[in-house]
Amino acid sequence: MPADQIPDSGGDSSEWPWHKERWLKRQPRVWLIDDCVEDRTLVNRAIGKLVELQVFHTGASVLHAIAKLSDPTATSTPTSPDMLLLDFRMPRLSGPETLERLRSLEAGQLTPVIVFSSSAAQTDIESSYAAGCNSYVTKPSGWDDYRRTLRAVIRYWLDVSE
């Protein structure tokens, strides 16, 4: 289904029982790294009203932002993410290459990274775990399953990392 035909997430907080306590402090921050505009749109529609979503189009751009988190000379510093959603197949720096570099940076060592990919190939899964991902999730094809899966993964990792 084309991204422009997917219904909005609606931000139904009843699906997020933990949100009330957490949102009293602040909205969870999720960074999405994906080169595909359609996939970015789907993720935004699924969780955009439930989390503070920051989008990066390349591995290099997220590595630059992560490096700024621990740079005392940076004039503007991004807000540290609670978790990252990383696409596997990207031009220039792939998901695993981005992840290996991310894990080498001090500010990128402890943040949960979930590879969210359309690939279910065992070699892709293994290379993602070898690079340091916390979880590998294959994107479901139907909208309801996509939204439900993405929300469950985020809910789990935000609870675990708290």
C-alpha atoms as a PDB file:
ATOM      1  CA  MET A   1       0.000   0.000   0.000  1.00  0.00           C
ATOM      2  CA  PRO A   2       1.438   3.417  -0.933  1.00  0.00           C
ATOM      3  CA  ALA A   3       2.484   5.538   2.039  1.00  0.00           C
ATOM      4  CA  ASP A   4       0.030   8.310   1.181  1.00  0.00           C
ATOM      5  CA  GLN A   5      -2.875   5.871   1.564  1.00  0.00           C
ATOM      6  CA  ILE A   6      -1.879   4.728   5.060  1.00  0.00           C
ATOM      7  CA  PRO A   7      -4.078   6.143   7.834  1.00  0.00           C
ATOM      8  CA  ASP A   8      -2.501   8.367  10.462  1.00  0.00           C
ATOM      9  CA  SER A   9      -1.412   6.749  13.739  1.00  0.00           C
ATOM     10  CA  GLY A  10      -3.940   8.791  15.645  1.00  0.00           C
ATOM     11  CA  GLY A  11      -1.657   8.801  18.657  1.00  0.00           C
ATOM     12  CA  ASP A  12      -3.924   6.448  20.586  1.00  0.00           C
ATOM     13  CA  SER A  13      -2.248   6.512  23.978  1.00  0.00           C
ATOM     14  CA  SER A  14      -4.262   3.539  25.246  1.00  0.00           C
ATOM     15  CA  GLU A  15      -1.821   1.359  23.286  1.00  0.00           C
ATOM     16  CA  TRP A  16       1.036   2.891  25.274  1.00  0.00           C
ATOM     17  CA  PRO A  17       0.234   2.190  28.938  1.00  0.00           C
ATOM     18  CA  TRP A  18       3.637   3.351  30.130  1.00  0.00           C
ATOM     19  CA  HIS A  19       3.421   6.690  28.361  1.00  0.00           C
ATOM     20  CA  LYS A  20       1.699   8.658  31.121  1.00  0.00           C
ATOM     21  CA  GLU A  21       4.497   8.315  33.668  1.00  0.00           C
ATOM     22  CA  ARG A  22       7.217   8.720  31.086  1.00  0.00           C
ATOM     23  CA  TRP A  23       5.618  11.644  29.281  1.00  0.00           C
ATOM     24  CA  LEU A  24       5.253  13.543  32.542  1.00  0.00           C
ATOM     25  CA  LYS A  25       9.025  13.849  32.277  1.00  0.00           C
ATOM     26  CA  ARG A  26       9.380  14.030  28.480  1.00  0.00           C
ATOM     27  CA  GLN A  27       8.348  12.332  25.271  1.00  0.00           C
ATOM     28  CA  PRO A  28      10.638   9.407  24.276  1.00  0.00           C
ATOM     29  CA  ARG A  29      13.185  10.340  21.595  1.00  0.00           C
ATOM     30  CA  VAL A  30      13.585   7.991  18.639  1.00  0.00           C
ATOM     31  CA  TRP A  31      16.032   8.606  15.832  1.00  0.00           C
ATOM     32  CA  LEU A  32      15.172   7.028  12.475  1.00  0.00           C
ATOM     33  CA  ILE A  33      17.919   6.446   9.917  1.00  0.00           C
ATOM     34  CA  ASP A  34      16.432   5.522   6.547  1.00  0.00           C
ATOM     35  CA  ASP A  35      17.163   6.682   3.005  1.00  0.00           C
ATOM     36  CA  CYS A  36      13.696   5.797   1.648  1.00  0.00           C
ATOM     37  CA  VAL A  37      11.079   8.558   1.832  1.00  0.00           C
ATOM     38  CA  GLU A  38       8.211   6.042   1.765  1.00  0.00           C
ATOM     39  CA  ASP A  39       9.601   4.144   4.757  1.00  0.00           C
ATOM     40  CA  ARG A  40      10.211   7.377   6.661  1.00  0.00           C
ATOM     41  CA  THR A  41       6.594   8.342   6.000  1.00  0.00           C
ATOM     42  CA  LEU A  42       5.312   4.978   7.250  1.00  0.00           C
ATOM     43  CA  VAL A  43       7.338   5.183  10.467  1.00  0.00           C
ATOM     44  CA  ASN A  44       6.193   8.753  11.057  1.00  0.00           C
ATOM     45  CA  ARG A  45       2.555   7.775  10.592  1.00  0.00           C
ATOM     46  CA  ALA A  46       2.929   4.769  12.888  1.00  0.00           C
ATOM     47  CA  ILE A  47       4.706   6.476  15.810  1.00  0.00           C
ATOM     48  CA  GLY A  48       5.160  10.175  15.013  1.00  0.00           C
ATOM     49  CA  LYS A  49       2.547  11.351  17.509  1.00  0.00           C
ATOM     50  CA  LEU A  50       3.745   8.996  20.240  1.00  0.00           C
ATOM     51  CA  VAL A  51       7.455   9.804  20.303  1.00  0.00           C
ATOM     52  CA  GLU A  52       9.759  12.674  19.445  1.00  0.00           C
ATOM     53  CA  LEU A  53      10.953  11.400  16.068  1.00  0.00           C
ATOM     54  CA  GLN A  54      14.107  12.774  14.481  1.00  0.00           C
ATOM     55  CA  VAL A  55      14.829  11.603  10.937  1.00  0.00           C
ATOM     56  CA  PHE A  56      18.214  11.114   9.283  1.00  0.00           C
ATOM     57  CA  HIS A  57      18.537  10.217   5.589  1.00  0.00           C
ATOM     58  CA  THR A  58      22.064   8.770   5.720  1.00  0.00           C
ATOM     59  CA  GLY A  59      24.341   6.881   8.046  1.00  0.00           C
ATOM     60  CA  ALA A  60      26.865   9.717   7.844  1.00  0.00           C
ATOM     61  CA  SER A  61      24.326  12.273   9.079  1.00  0.00           C
ATOM     62  CA  VAL A  62      23.433  10.269  12.183  1.00  0.00           C
ATOM     63  CA  LEU A  63      27.102   9.580  12.939  1.00  0.00           C
ATOM     64  CA  HIS A  64      27.766  13.319  12.773  1.00  0.00           C
ATOM     65  CA  ALA A  65      24.876  13.990  15.190  1.00  0.00           C
ATOM     66  CA  ILE A  66      26.014  11.255  17.607  1.00  0.00           C
ATOM     67  CA  ALA A  67      29.583  12.580  17.561  1.00  0.00           C
ATOM     68  CA  LYS A  68      28.294  16.046  18.496  1.00  0.00           C
ATOM     69  CA  LEU A  69      26.691  14.609  21.645  1.00  0.00           C
ATOM     70  CA  SER A  70      30.087  14.121  23.260  1.00  0.00           C
ATOM     71  CA  ASP A  71      31.864  17.100  21.682  1.00  0.00           C
ATOM     72  CA  PRO A  72      32.348  19.800  24.327  1.00  0.00           C
ATOM     73  CA  THR A  73      33.217  22.353  21.633  1.00  0.00           C
ATOM     74  CA  ALA A  74      30.001  21.850  19.641  1.00  0.00           C
ATOM     75  CA  THR A  75      27.970  25.052  19.461  1.00  0.00           C
ATOM     76  CA  SER A  76      24.674  23.237  19.015  1.00  0.00           C
ATOM     77  CA  THR A  77      24.182  19.752  20.346  1.00  0.00           C
ATOM     78  CA  PRO A  78      21.284  17.460  19.421  1.00  0.00           C
ATOM     79  CA  THR A  79      19.236  15.894  22.177  1.00  0.00           C
ATOM     80  CA  SER A  80      20.399  12.373  22.948  1.00  0.00           C
ATOM     81  CA  PRO A  81      18.095   9.629  21.582  1.00  0.00           C
ATOM     82  CA  ASP A  82      16.474   6.919  23.676  1.00  0.00           C
ATOM     83  CA  MET A  83      16.770   4.500  20.762  1.00  0.00           C
ATOM     84  CA  LEU A  84      17.628   4.312  17.066  1.00  0.00           C
ATOM     85  CA  LEU A  85      15.709   2.634  14.247  1.00  0.00           C
ATOM     86  CA  LEU A  86      18.181   1.822  11.491  1.00  0.00           C
ATOM     87  CA  ASP A  87      17.496   0.662   7.945  1.00  0.00           C
ATOM     88  CA  PHE A  88      19.728  -2.168   6.721  1.00  0.00           C
ATOM     89  CA  ARG A  89      20.063  -1.243   3.052  1.00  0.00           C
ATOM     90  CA  MET A  90      21.282   2.301   2.495  1.00  0.00           C
ATOM     91  CA  PRO A  91      23.611   3.785  -0.133  1.00  0.00           C
ATOM     92  CA  ARG A  92      27.189   4.726   0.780  1.00  0.00           C
ATOM     93  CA  LEU A  93      27.086   3.523   4.416  1.00  0.00           C
ATOM     94  CA  SER A  94      24.924   0.444   4.934  1.00  0.00           C
ATOM     95  CA  GLY A  95      23.102  -0.197   8.187  1.00  0.00           C
ATOM     96  CA  PRO A  96      25.830  -2.518   9.547  1.00  0.00           C
ATOM     97  CA  GLU A  97      28.616  -0.121   8.494  1.00  0.00           C
ATOM     98  CA  THR A  98      26.808   2.759  10.180  1.00  0.00           C
ATOM     99  CA  LEU A  99      26.262   0.636  13.268  1.00  0.00           C
ATOM    100  CA  GLU A 100      29.918  -0.414  13.545  1.00  0.00           C
ATOM    101  CA  ARG A 101      31.010   3.224  13.402  1.00  0.00           C
ATOM    102  CA  LEU A 102      28.259   4.254  15.806  1.00  0.00           C
ATOM    103  CA  ARG A 103      29.369   1.684  18.382  1.00  0.00           C
ATOM    104  CA  SER A 104      32.946   2.999  18.163  1.00  0.00           C
ATOM    105  CA  LEU A 105      31.774   6.432  19.376  1.00  0.00           C
ATOM    106  CA  GLU A 106      31.398   6.954  23.116  1.00  0.00           C
ATOM    107  CA  ALA A 107      27.933   8.473  22.758  1.00  0.00           C
ATOM    108  CA  GLY A 108      26.760   5.578  20.563  1.00  0.00           C
ATOM    109  CA  GLN A 109      27.779   2.631  22.694  1.00  0.00           C
ATOM    110  CA  LEU A 110      24.781   2.244  24.998  1.00  0.00           C
ATOM    111  CA  THR A 111      21.861   3.496  22.904  1.00  0.00           C
ATOM    112  CA  PRO A 112      19.603   0.626  21.784  1.00  0.00           C
ATOM    113  CA  VAL A 113      19.745   0.198  18.008  1.00  0.00           C
ATOM    114  CA  ILE A 114      17.022  -1.737  16.240  1.00  0.00           C
ATOM    115  CA  VAL A 115      17.584  -2.672  12.622  1.00  0.00           C
ATOM    116  CA  PHE A 116      14.158  -2.353  10.988  1.00  0.00           C
ATOM    117  CA  SER A 117      14.438  -3.868   7.536  1.00  0.00           C
ATOM    118  CA  SER A 118      12.406  -5.385   4.744  1.00  0.00           C
ATOM    119  CA  SER A 119      15.061  -8.093   4.411  1.00  0.00           C
ATOM    120  CA  ALA A 120      14.609 -11.409   6.192  1.00  0.00           C
ATOM    121  CA  ALA A 121      17.867 -12.859   4.831  1.00  0.00           C
ATOM    122  CA  GLN A 122      19.845 -14.735   7.470  1.00  0.00           C
ATOM    123  CA  THR A 123      23.112 -13.133   6.298  1.00  0.00           C
ATOM    124  CA  ASP A 124      21.625  -9.642   6.805  1.00  0.00           C
ATOM    125  CA  ILE A 125      20.420 -10.553  10.283  1.00  0.00           C
ATOM    126  CA  GLU A 126      23.793 -12.041  11.242  1.00  0.00           C
ATOM    127  CA  SER A 127      25.772  -9.069   9.916  1.00  0.00           C
ATOM    128  CA  SER A 128      23.512  -6.677  11.844  1.00  0.00           C
ATOM    129  CA  TYR A 129      24.063  -8.515  15.121  1.00  0.00           C
ATOM    130  CA  ALA A 130      27.798  -8.774  14.404  1.00  0.00           C
ATOM    131  CA  ALA A 131      27.862  -4.985  13.939  1.00  0.00           C
ATOM    132  CA  GLY A 132      26.221  -4.462  17.341  1.00  0.00           C
ATOM    133  CA  CYS A 133      22.465  -4.138  16.904  1.00  0.00           C
ATOM    134  CA  ASN A 134      20.240  -4.894  19.878  1.00  0.00           C
ATOM    135  CA  SER A 135      17.431  -6.309  17.768  1.00  0.00           C
ATOM    136  CA  TYR A 136      16.638  -7.084  14.140  1.00  0.00           C
ATOM    137  CA  VAL A 137      13.023  -6.742  13.051  1.00  0.00           C
ATOM    138  CA  THR A 138      11.664  -7.525   9.604  1.00  0.00           C
ATOM    139  CA  LYS A 139       9.118  -4.965   8.417  1.00  0.00           C
ATOM    140  CA  PRO A 140       5.663  -6.538   8.039  1.00  0.00           C
ATOM    141  CA  SER A 141       3.874  -5.946   4.740  1.00  0.00           C
ATOM    142  CA  GLY A 142       0.382  -4.948   5.953  1.00  0.00           C
ATOM    143  CA  TRP A 143      -0.245  -1.572   7.604  1.00  0.00           C
ATOM    144  CA  ASP A 144      -1.887  -2.890  10.785  1.00  0.00           C
ATOM    145  CA  ASP A 145       0.901  -5.425  11.366  1.00  0.00           C
ATOM    146  CA  TYR A 146       3.528  -2.808  10.506  1.00  0.00           C
ATOM    147  CA  ARG A 147       2.167  -0.304  13.010  1.00  0.00           C
ATOM    148  CA  ARG A 148       1.585  -2.921  15.721  1.00  0.00           C
ATOM    149  CA  THR A 149       5.063  -4.433  15.297  1.00  0.00           C
ATOM    150  CA  LEU A 150       6.850  -1.094  15.283  1.00  0.00           C
ATOM    151  CA  ARG A 151       5.013   0.113  18.371  1.00  0.00           C
ATOM    152  CA  ALA A 152       5.672  -3.154  20.239  1.00  0.00           C
ATOM    153  CA  VAL A 153       9.389  -3.010  19.438  1.00  0.00           C
ATOM    154  CA  ILE A 154       9.677   0.596  20.564  1.00  0.00           C
ATOM    155  CA  ARG A 155       7.672  -0.018  23.710  1.00  0.00           C
ATOM    156  CA  TYR A 156       9.882  -3.004  24.593  1.00  0.00           C
ATOM    157  CA  TRP A 157      13.202  -1.233  24.049  1.00  0.00           C
ATOM    158  CA  LEU A 158      12.140   1.939  25.825  1.00  0.00           C
ATOM    159  CA  ASP A 159      11.085  -0.152  28.829  1.00  0.00           C
ATOM    160  CA  VAL A 160      14.315  -2.191  28.789  1.00  0.00           C
ATOM    161  CA  SER A 161      16.565   0.840  28.455  1.00  0.00           C
ATOM    162  CA  GLU A 162      14.923   2.842  31.223  1.00  0.00           C
END
